Amino acid sequence: MASKSLELNVQFVRRVFNICRECMVSNLNSHKFIDGEIIEMDETASGKRKYNRGHQVTGQTQWFVTILGRESGVVRFFEVEERDIETMKFYVTTYIRAGSEIHTDGWSAYGRLQSWGYVHKVVIHKDNFVDPQVVLILTSLKPHMVQLNVKLKLFSEYPGLTSSYILIAIL
């Protein structure tokens, strides 16, 4: 649309839009969450399915760490290569202020959150979907994860621009 109205080369316009998206992503991800805010954190996979059904095709799965500020509604998605303790520590310590309360599932990579200076609450979905002791619910993240997966499928023909598609998913 912009290329036709301004009589510009389509590839040039696409490059300019991609640069603008990348600048917005880097600016958005440079801010930490508010002090004292309850944070929900989970990981999710996005990938292609053979014939759009059944199991995911091997080697085409992208993993994301999703962080949500419950009160502010601020969501961050980060594409990750590994879902190990070192990766989780990097994203937690970089984007969440020390002393914040973080709600996660029972996955082992979150096991050291308290030793890193955070209050850690856990919901193990196998036992309880809602933790009856502290009324923890991790359902706030689900709609954002679904939206991310839908956007990534729409824009999957440009795999090098994943971070800019993540921005589109949350705007």
N, C-alpha and C. Protein backbone atom coordinates (compact mmCIF):
# COMPACT_ATOMS: atom_id res chain seq x y z
N MET A 1 0.82 -1.19 0.00
CA MET A 1 0.00 0.00 0.00
C MET A 1 0.87 1.27 0.00
N ALA A 2 1.80 1.35 0.96
CA ALA A 2 2.66 2.53 1.05
C ALA A 2 3.54 2.66 -0.19
N SER A 3 3.99 1.53 -0.71
CA SER A 3 4.88 1.58 -1.88
C SER A 3 4.13 2.11 -3.11
N LYS A 4 2.86 1.76 -3.25
CA LYS A 4 2.09 2.23 -4.40
C LYS A 4 1.75 3.71 -4.28
N SER A 5 1.30 4.12 -3.09
CA SER A 5 0.89 5.52 -2.93
C SER A 5 2.08 6.48 -3.03
N LEU A 6 3.26 6.04 -2.63
CA LEU A 6 4.46 6.89 -2.70
C LEU A 6 5.33 6.57 -3.91
N GLU A 7 4.92 5.59 -4.71
CA GLU A 7 5.66 5.14 -5.88
C GLU A 7 7.10 4.76 -5.53
N LEU A 8 7.23 3.91 -4.53
CA LEU A 8 8.54 3.42 -4.07
C LEU A 8 8.66 1.93 -4.33
N ASN A 9 9.88 1.45 -4.35
CA ASN A 9 10.17 0.03 -4.50
C ASN A 9 9.63 -0.73 -3.29
N VAL A 10 8.96 -1.83 -3.52
CA VAL A 10 8.35 -2.63 -2.45
C VAL A 10 9.40 -3.12 -1.46
N GLN A 11 10.55 -3.60 -1.95
CA GLN A 11 11.60 -4.09 -1.05
C GLN A 11 12.14 -2.98 -0.16
N PHE A 12 12.26 -1.77 -0.71
CA PHE A 12 12.73 -0.63 0.08
C PHE A 12 11.75 -0.31 1.21
N VAL A 13 10.48 -0.26 0.90
CA VAL A 13 9.46 0.04 1.91
C VAL A 13 9.45 -1.05 2.98
N ARG A 14 9.55 -2.31 2.56
CA ARG A 14 9.58 -3.42 3.51
C ARG A 14 10.78 -3.28 4.45
N ARG A 15 11.96 -2.93 3.89
CA ARG A 15 13.15 -2.75 4.72
C ARG A 15 12.97 -1.62 5.74
N VAL A 16 12.39 -0.52 5.31
CA VAL A 16 12.16 0.61 6.22
C VAL A 16 11.21 0.20 7.34
N PHE A 17 10.12 -0.49 7.02
CA PHE A 17 9.19 -0.95 8.04
C PHE A 17 9.86 -1.92 9.01
N ASN A 18 10.69 -2.80 8.49
CA ASN A 18 11.39 -3.76 9.36
C ASN A 18 12.34 -3.05 10.31
N ILE A 19 13.05 -2.04 9.82
CA ILE A 19 13.95 -1.27 10.69
C ILE A 19 13.16 -0.56 11.78
N CYS A 20 12.03 0.02 11.42
CA CYS A 20 11.18 0.70 12.42
C CYS A 20 10.68 -0.29 13.48
N ARG A 21 10.25 -1.48 13.05
CA ARG A 21 9.78 -2.49 14.01
C ARG A 21 10.90 -2.91 14.95
N GLU A 22 12.10 -3.13 14.40
CA GLU A 22 13.23 -3.54 15.24
C GLU A 22 13.59 -2.46 16.26
N CYS A 23 13.51 -1.19 15.87
CA CYS A 23 13.77 -0.09 16.82
C CYS A 23 12.74 -0.10 17.94
N MET A 24 11.47 -0.31 17.59
CA MET A 24 10.43 -0.35 18.62
C MET A 24 10.63 -1.53 19.56
N VAL A 25 11.05 -2.67 19.02
CA VAL A 25 11.29 -3.85 19.85
C VAL A 25 12.41 -3.58 20.84
N SER A 26 13.52 -3.01 20.37
CA SER A 26 14.64 -2.77 21.28
C SER A 26 14.27 -1.75 22.35
N ASN A 27 13.47 -0.74 22.01
CA ASN A 27 13.03 0.24 22.99
C ASN A 27 12.07 -0.39 24.00
N LEU A 28 11.13 -1.18 23.51
CA LEU A 28 10.15 -1.82 24.39
C LEU A 28 10.83 -2.76 25.37
N ASN A 29 11.79 -3.54 24.90
CA ASN A 29 12.43 -4.53 25.75
C ASN A 29 13.49 -3.95 26.68
N SER A 30 13.76 -2.65 26.58
CA SER A 30 14.76 -2.05 27.45
C SER A 30 14.20 -1.65 28.81
N HIS A 31 12.88 -1.70 28.98
CA HIS A 31 12.26 -1.26 30.23
C HIS A 31 11.98 -2.45 31.14
N LYS A 32 12.26 -2.25 32.43
CA LYS A 32 11.96 -3.29 33.41
C LYS A 32 10.53 -3.12 33.90
N PHE A 33 10.02 -4.18 34.52
CA PHE A 33 8.68 -4.13 35.07
C PHE A 33 8.65 -3.27 36.34
N ILE A 34 7.47 -2.84 36.70
CA ILE A 34 7.26 -1.97 37.86
C ILE A 34 7.62 -2.69 39.15
N ASP A 35 8.23 -1.94 40.09
CA ASP A 35 8.55 -2.51 41.41
C ASP A 35 7.28 -2.99 42.10
N GLY A 36 7.37 -4.14 42.73
CA GLY A 36 6.27 -4.65 43.52
C GLY A 36 5.16 -5.29 42.72
N GLU A 37 5.27 -5.30 41.41
CA GLU A 37 4.22 -5.89 40.59
C GLU A 37 4.35 -7.41 40.59
N ILE A 38 3.20 -8.09 40.58
CA ILE A 38 3.21 -9.55 40.47
C ILE A 38 3.46 -9.90 39.00
N ILE A 39 4.43 -10.78 38.78
CA ILE A 39 4.83 -11.17 37.43
C ILE A 39 4.44 -12.63 37.20
N GLU A 40 3.86 -12.91 36.04
CA GLU A 40 3.62 -14.28 35.62
C GLU A 40 4.63 -14.60 34.53
N MET A 41 5.20 -15.79 34.60
CA MET A 41 6.24 -16.17 33.65
C MET A 41 6.02 -17.61 33.20
N ASP A 42 6.14 -17.84 31.91
CA ASP A 42 5.97 -19.19 31.38
C ASP A 42 6.72 -19.27 30.06
N GLU A 43 6.89 -20.46 29.57
CA GLU A 43 7.53 -20.67 28.28
C GLU A 43 6.51 -21.32 27.36
N THR A 44 6.64 -21.03 26.07
CA THR A 44 5.71 -21.58 25.10
C THR A 44 6.46 -21.91 23.82
N ALA A 45 5.92 -22.85 23.06
CA ALA A 45 6.52 -23.25 21.79
C ALA A 45 5.63 -22.80 20.64
N SER A 46 6.26 -22.44 19.56
CA SER A 46 5.54 -22.11 18.35
C SER A 46 6.25 -22.84 17.22
N GLY A 47 5.49 -23.47 16.37
CA GLY A 47 6.12 -24.18 15.27
C GLY A 47 5.09 -24.68 14.29
N LYS A 48 5.60 -25.23 13.21
CA LYS A 48 4.71 -25.73 12.17
C LYS A 48 4.24 -27.15 12.50
N ARG A 49 3.05 -27.43 12.08
CA ARG A 49 2.50 -28.78 12.21
C ARG A 49 2.31 -29.35 10.81
N LYS A 50 2.55 -30.63 10.70
CA LYS A 50 2.40 -31.25 9.39
C LYS A 50 0.91 -31.25 9.01
N TYR A 51 0.60 -30.69 7.89
CA TYR A 51 -0.77 -30.56 7.40
C TYR A 51 -1.67 -29.83 8.40
N ASN A 52 -1.09 -28.92 9.20
CA ASN A 52 -1.81 -28.13 10.19
C ASN A 52 -2.54 -28.96 11.23
N ARG A 53 -2.07 -30.16 11.51
CA ARG A 53 -2.68 -30.97 12.57
C ARG A 53 -1.64 -31.92 13.14
N GLY A 54 -1.94 -32.45 14.30
CA GLY A 54 -1.05 -33.43 14.91
C GLY A 54 0.18 -32.81 15.55
N HIS A 55 1.22 -33.62 15.65
CA HIS A 55 2.45 -33.20 16.34
C HIS A 55 3.23 -32.17 15.51
N GLN A 56 4.08 -31.42 16.20
CA GLN A 56 4.88 -30.42 15.50
C GLN A 56 6.00 -31.09 14.72
N VAL A 57 6.34 -30.48 13.58
CA VAL A 57 7.42 -30.99 12.75
C VAL A 57 8.74 -30.73 13.46
N THR A 58 9.56 -31.75 13.56
CA THR A 58 10.85 -31.66 14.25
C THR A 58 11.74 -30.62 13.60
N GLY A 59 12.45 -29.85 14.44
CA GLY A 59 13.40 -28.88 13.95
C GLY A 59 12.81 -27.53 13.59
N GLN A 60 11.49 -27.39 13.63
CA GLN A 60 10.88 -26.12 13.27
C GLN A 60 10.17 -25.47 14.44
N THR A 61 10.51 -25.85 15.64
CA THR A 61 9.88 -25.30 16.83
C THR A 61 10.69 -24.12 17.35
N GLN A 62 10.01 -23.02 17.64
CA GLN A 62 10.63 -21.86 18.26
C GLN A 62 10.11 -21.78 19.69
N TRP A 63 11.01 -21.56 20.64
CA TRP A 63 10.62 -21.43 22.04
C TRP A 63 10.66 -19.97 22.44
N PHE A 64 9.69 -19.57 23.27
CA PHE A 64 9.59 -18.21 23.76
C PHE A 64 9.40 -18.22 25.27
N VAL A 65 10.02 -17.24 25.92
CA VAL A 65 9.75 -16.97 27.32
C VAL A 65 8.75 -15.82 27.32
N THR A 66 7.66 -15.99 28.06
CA THR A 66 6.63 -14.97 28.15
C THR A 66 6.60 -14.43 29.56
N ILE A 67 6.65 -13.10 29.70
CA ILE A 67 6.61 -12.45 31.00
C ILE A 67 5.46 -11.44 30.97
N LEU A 68 4.58 -11.52 31.98
CA LEU A 68 3.41 -10.65 32.06
C LEU A 68 3.38 -9.94 33.40
N GLY A 69 3.24 -8.63 33.39
CA GLY A 69 2.99 -7.86 34.61
C GLY A 69 1.50 -7.89 34.86
N ARG A 70 1.07 -8.55 35.92
CA ARG A 70 -0.35 -8.78 36.13
C ARG A 70 -1.15 -7.48 36.25
N GLU A 71 -0.66 -6.51 37.02
CA GLU A 71 -1.42 -5.27 37.22
C GLU A 71 -1.36 -4.36 35.99
N SER A 72 -0.19 -4.21 35.41
CA SER A 72 -0.03 -3.29 34.28
C SER A 72 -0.49 -3.89 32.96
N GLY A 73 -0.51 -5.22 32.87
CA GLY A 73 -0.86 -5.88 31.62
C GLY A 73 0.26 -5.86 30.60
N VAL A 74 1.44 -5.41 30.99
CA VAL A 74 2.59 -5.36 30.08
C VAL A 74 3.08 -6.78 29.83
N VAL A 75 3.26 -7.12 28.56
CA VAL A 75 3.69 -8.46 28.18
C VAL A 75 4.99 -8.36 27.40
N ARG A 76 5.90 -9.28 27.66
CA ARG A 76 7.14 -9.37 26.90
C ARG A 76 7.29 -10.82 26.41
N PHE A 77 7.64 -10.97 25.13
CA PHE A 77 7.96 -12.27 24.56
C PHE A 77 9.42 -12.24 24.15
N PHE A 78 10.15 -13.29 24.49
CA PHE A 78 11.55 -13.37 24.10
C PHE A 78 11.80 -14.73 23.46
N GLU A 79 12.30 -14.71 22.22
CA GLU A 79 12.66 -15.95 21.55
C GLU A 79 13.94 -16.48 22.19
N VAL A 80 13.95 -17.76 22.55
CA VAL A 80 15.12 -18.36 23.20
C VAL A 80 15.55 -19.61 22.46
N GLU A 81 16.85 -19.85 22.46
CA GLU A 81 17.40 -21.07 21.86
C GLU A 81 17.29 -22.23 22.84
N GLU A 82 17.59 -21.96 24.09
CA GLU A 82 17.57 -22.98 25.14
C GLU A 82 16.61 -22.56 26.24
N ARG A 83 16.00 -23.53 26.90
CA ARG A 83 15.12 -23.24 28.03
C ARG A 83 15.77 -23.76 29.31
N ASP A 84 17.00 -23.39 29.52
CA ASP A 84 17.73 -23.89 30.68
C ASP A 84 17.82 -22.81 31.77
N ILE A 85 18.45 -23.16 32.87
CA ILE A 85 18.53 -22.25 34.02
C ILE A 85 19.26 -20.97 33.67
N GLU A 86 20.36 -21.05 32.93
CA GLU A 86 21.12 -19.85 32.58
C GLU A 86 20.29 -18.88 31.73
N THR A 87 19.54 -19.42 30.79
CA THR A 87 18.68 -18.58 29.96
C THR A 87 17.61 -17.90 30.79
N MET A 88 16.95 -18.68 31.66
CA MET A 88 15.91 -18.10 32.51
C MET A 88 16.49 -17.03 33.42
N LYS A 89 17.67 -17.29 33.96
CA LYS A 89 18.29 -16.31 34.86
C LYS A 89 18.56 -15.00 34.12
N PHE A 90 19.03 -15.10 32.90
CA PHE A 90 19.29 -13.89 32.12
C PHE A 90 18.03 -13.05 31.97
N TYR A 91 16.92 -13.67 31.54
CA TYR A 91 15.70 -12.91 31.30
C TYR A 91 15.07 -12.41 32.59
N VAL A 92 15.13 -13.20 33.64
CA VAL A 92 14.58 -12.77 34.92
C VAL A 92 15.36 -11.58 35.46
N THR A 93 16.68 -11.70 35.53
CA THR A 93 17.48 -10.63 36.14
C THR A 93 17.56 -9.39 35.26
N THR A 94 17.39 -9.53 33.96
CA THR A 94 17.45 -8.39 33.06
C THR A 94 16.14 -7.61 33.03
N TYR A 95 15.00 -8.30 33.06
CA TYR A 95 13.72 -7.64 32.83
C TYR A 95 12.80 -7.56 34.04
N ILE A 96 13.14 -8.21 35.13
CA ILE A 96 12.27 -8.18 36.31
C ILE A 96 13.09 -7.66 37.48
N ARG A 97 12.57 -6.67 38.16
CA ARG A 97 13.29 -6.07 39.29
C ARG A 97 13.39 -7.05 40.44
N ALA A 98 14.55 -7.05 41.09
CA ALA A 98 14.78 -7.92 42.25
C ALA A 98 13.74 -7.62 43.32
N GLY A 99 13.29 -8.67 44.00
CA GLY A 99 12.28 -8.54 45.04
C GLY A 99 10.86 -8.72 44.54
N SER A 100 10.66 -8.75 43.21
CA SER A 100 9.32 -8.93 42.66
C SER A 100 8.82 -10.33 42.94
N GLU A 101 7.50 -10.48 42.97
CA GLU A 101 6.88 -11.79 43.14
C GLU A 101 6.62 -12.38 41.76
N ILE A 102 7.17 -13.57 41.51
CA ILE A 102 7.05 -14.21 40.20
C ILE A 102 6.25 -15.50 40.36
N HIS A 103 5.21 -15.65 39.55
CA HIS A 103 4.39 -16.85 39.54
C HIS A 103 4.76 -17.68 38.31
N THR A 104 5.07 -18.95 38.51
CA THR A 104 5.45 -19.83 37.40
C THR A 104 4.78 -21.18 37.58
N ASP A 105 4.97 -22.04 36.57
CA ASP A 105 4.58 -23.43 36.74
C ASP A 105 5.73 -24.16 37.43
N GLY A 106 5.63 -25.44 37.57
CA GLY A 106 6.62 -26.20 38.33
C GLY A 106 7.86 -26.61 37.56
N TRP A 107 8.12 -25.99 36.43
CA TRP A 107 9.25 -26.38 35.60
C TRP A 107 10.56 -26.09 36.33
N SER A 108 11.51 -26.99 36.24
CA SER A 108 12.73 -26.96 37.07
C SER A 108 13.62 -25.74 36.83
N ALA A 109 13.60 -25.14 35.66
CA ALA A 109 14.47 -23.98 35.39
C ALA A 109 14.10 -22.77 36.24
N TYR A 110 12.89 -22.76 36.79
CA TYR A 110 12.48 -21.66 37.66
C TYR A 110 12.83 -21.93 39.12
N GLY A 111 13.42 -23.05 39.42
CA GLY A 111 13.66 -23.48 40.79
C GLY A 111 14.58 -22.59 41.60
N ARG A 112 15.39 -21.78 40.96
CA ARG A 112 16.36 -20.95 41.69
C ARG A 112 15.94 -19.49 41.82
N LEU A 113 14.71 -19.16 41.51
CA LEU A 113 14.27 -17.77 41.56
C LEU A 113 14.48 -17.13 42.93
N GLN A 114 14.21 -17.88 43.99
CA GLN A 114 14.39 -17.31 45.33
C GLN A 114 15.85 -16.99 45.61
N SER A 115 16.76 -17.84 45.17
CA SER A 115 18.18 -17.58 45.40
C SER A 115 18.69 -16.39 44.58
N TRP A 116 17.95 -16.00 43.54
CA TRP A 116 18.32 -14.84 42.73
C TRP A 116 17.71 -13.55 43.28
N GLY A 117 16.93 -13.65 44.37
CA GLY A 117 16.38 -12.45 45.01
C GLY A 117 14.94 -12.14 44.67
N TYR A 118 14.16 -13.15 44.29
CA TYR A 118 12.76 -12.96 43.94
C TYR A 118 11.87 -13.79 44.85
N VAL A 119 10.62 -13.37 45.00
CA VAL A 119 9.62 -14.17 45.70
C VAL A 119 9.02 -15.09 44.64
N HIS A 120 9.03 -16.40 44.88
CA HIS A 120 8.61 -17.36 43.87
C HIS A 120 7.39 -18.14 44.35
N LYS A 121 6.31 -18.07 43.57
CA LYS A 121 5.10 -18.85 43.84
C LYS A 121 4.91 -19.81 42.66
N VAL A 122 4.52 -21.04 42.98
CA VAL A 122 4.46 -22.10 41.96
C VAL A 122 3.06 -22.71 41.90
N VAL A 123 2.58 -22.94 40.68
CA VAL A 123 1.37 -23.72 40.44
C VAL A 123 1.80 -24.94 39.64
N ILE A 124 1.56 -26.11 40.15
CA ILE A 124 1.85 -27.34 39.41
C ILE A 124 0.52 -27.81 38.83
N HIS A 125 0.35 -27.63 37.53
CA HIS A 125 -0.93 -27.88 36.89
C HIS A 125 -1.37 -29.33 36.97
N LYS A 126 -0.42 -30.23 37.11
CA LYS A 126 -0.77 -31.64 37.24
C LYS A 126 -1.56 -31.88 38.53
N ASP A 127 -1.19 -31.15 39.58
CA ASP A 127 -1.86 -31.30 40.87
C ASP A 127 -3.09 -30.40 40.98
N ASN A 128 -2.93 -29.14 40.67
CA ASN A 128 -4.00 -28.15 40.77
C ASN A 128 -3.85 -27.15 39.64
N PHE A 129 -4.96 -26.82 38.99
CA PHE A 129 -4.87 -25.75 38.00
C PHE A 129 -4.79 -24.41 38.72
N VAL A 130 -5.51 -24.30 39.85
CA VAL A 130 -5.44 -23.13 40.71
C VAL A 130 -4.91 -23.62 42.04
N ASP A 131 -3.84 -23.01 42.55
CA ASP A 131 -3.28 -23.40 43.84
C ASP A 131 -4.22 -22.95 44.94
N PRO A 132 -4.82 -23.88 45.70
CA PRO A 132 -5.81 -23.50 46.71
C PRO A 132 -5.22 -22.72 47.88
N GLN A 133 -3.92 -22.83 48.11
CA GLN A 133 -3.30 -22.13 49.24
C GLN A 133 -3.17 -20.63 48.99
N VAL A 134 -2.77 -20.25 47.82
CA VAL A 134 -2.51 -18.84 47.56
C VAL A 134 -3.30 -18.29 46.37
N VAL A 135 -4.23 -19.08 45.84
CA VAL A 135 -5.06 -18.71 44.71
C VAL A 135 -4.21 -18.17 43.55
N LEU A 136 -3.25 -18.97 43.15
CA LEU A 136 -2.40 -18.64 42.01
C LEU A 136 -3.02 -19.18 40.73
N ILE A 137 -3.12 -18.35 39.75
CA ILE A 137 -3.65 -18.77 38.45
C ILE A 137 -2.70 -18.26 37.38
N LEU A 138 -2.29 -19.12 36.48
CA LEU A 138 -1.40 -18.70 35.40
C LEU A 138 -2.15 -18.59 34.07
N THR A 139 -3.45 -18.34 34.12
CA THR A 139 -4.23 -18.29 32.89
C THR A 139 -4.13 -16.94 32.18
N SER A 140 -3.63 -15.91 32.84
CA SER A 140 -3.53 -14.59 32.21
C SER A 140 -2.59 -14.61 31.01
N LEU A 141 -1.62 -15.52 31.03
CA LEU A 141 -0.65 -15.59 29.94
C LEU A 141 -1.20 -16.26 28.69
N LYS A 142 -2.16 -17.16 28.85
CA LYS A 142 -2.62 -18.00 27.75
C LYS A 142 -3.09 -17.20 26.53
N PRO A 143 -3.97 -16.18 26.70
CA PRO A 143 -4.41 -15.45 25.50
C PRO A 143 -3.26 -14.78 24.76
N HIS A 144 -2.26 -14.30 25.49
CA HIS A 144 -1.11 -13.66 24.85
C HIS A 144 -0.28 -14.68 24.08
N MET A 145 -0.13 -15.88 24.63
CA MET A 145 0.62 -16.93 23.94
C MET A 145 -0.09 -17.37 22.67
N VAL A 146 -1.41 -17.48 22.73
CA VAL A 146 -2.19 -17.85 21.55
C VAL A 146 -2.05 -16.78 20.48
N GLN A 147 -2.15 -15.51 20.88
CA GLN A 147 -2.00 -14.41 19.93
C GLN A 147 -0.62 -14.41 19.29
N LEU A 148 0.41 -14.68 20.07
CA LEU A 148 1.76 -14.77 19.53
C LEU A 148 1.85 -15.86 18.47
N ASN A 149 1.33 -17.04 18.77
CA ASN A 149 1.40 -18.16 17.83
C ASN A 149 0.65 -17.84 16.53
N VAL A 150 -0.50 -17.19 16.63
CA VAL A 150 -1.26 -16.82 15.44
C VAL A 150 -0.46 -15.85 14.58
N LYS A 151 0.10 -14.82 15.20
CA LYS A 151 0.88 -13.83 14.45
C LYS A 151 2.11 -14.46 13.80
N LEU A 152 2.79 -15.33 14.53
CA LEU A 152 3.98 -15.97 13.97
C LEU A 152 3.64 -16.84 12.78
N LYS A 153 2.49 -17.49 12.81
CA LYS A 153 2.08 -18.31 11.66
C LYS A 153 1.77 -17.42 10.46
N LEU A 154 1.16 -16.27 10.72
CA LEU A 154 0.85 -15.35 9.62
C LEU A 154 2.11 -14.81 8.95
N PHE A 155 3.15 -14.55 9.76
CA PHE A 155 4.35 -13.92 9.24
C PHE A 155 5.53 -14.88 9.12
N SER A 156 5.28 -16.17 9.10
CA SER A 156 6.36 -17.16 9.14
C SER A 156 7.23 -17.19 7.89
N GLU A 157 6.82 -16.51 6.83
CA GLU A 157 7.64 -16.51 5.61
C GLU A 157 8.88 -15.64 5.74
N TYR A 158 8.97 -14.87 6.83
CA TYR A 158 10.14 -14.02 7.07
C TYR A 158 10.78 -14.40 8.40
N PRO A 159 11.45 -15.55 8.49
CA PRO A 159 11.94 -16.04 9.78
C PRO A 159 12.99 -15.16 10.45
N GLY A 160 13.70 -14.34 9.74
CA GLY A 160 14.72 -13.50 10.35
C GLY A 160 14.17 -12.32 11.12
N LEU A 161 12.87 -12.10 11.04
CA LEU A 161 12.26 -10.93 11.67
C LEU A 161 11.37 -11.30 12.84
N THR A 162 11.67 -12.41 13.49
CA THR A 162 10.81 -12.90 14.56
C THR A 162 10.56 -11.86 15.64
N SER A 163 11.59 -11.15 16.08
CA SER A 163 11.40 -10.20 17.17
C SER A 163 10.44 -9.08 16.79
N SER A 164 10.44 -8.66 15.53
CA SER A 164 9.50 -7.61 15.13
C SER A 164 8.08 -8.16 15.05
N TYR A 165 7.92 -9.43 14.74
CA TYR A 165 6.58 -10.03 14.75
C TYR A 165 6.07 -10.16 16.18
N ILE A 166 6.99 -10.38 17.11
CA ILE A 166 6.60 -10.44 18.51
C ILE A 166 6.01 -9.09 18.92
N LEU A 167 6.60 -8.01 18.48
CA LEU A 167 6.07 -6.68 18.78
C LEU A 167 4.67 -6.53 18.19
N ILE A 168 4.48 -6.98 16.96
CA ILE A 168 3.16 -6.91 16.33
C ILE A 168 2.15 -7.70 17.15
N ALA A 169 2.56 -8.83 17.69
CA ALA A 169 1.65 -9.69 18.46
C ALA A 169 1.16 -9.01 19.72
N ILE A 170 1.97 -8.14 20.31
CA ILE A 170 1.56 -7.55 21.58
C ILE A 170 1.00 -6.14 21.43
N LEU A 171 1.01 -5.57 20.24
CA LEU A 171 0.44 -4.23 20.05
C LEU A 171 -1.01 -4.31 19.66
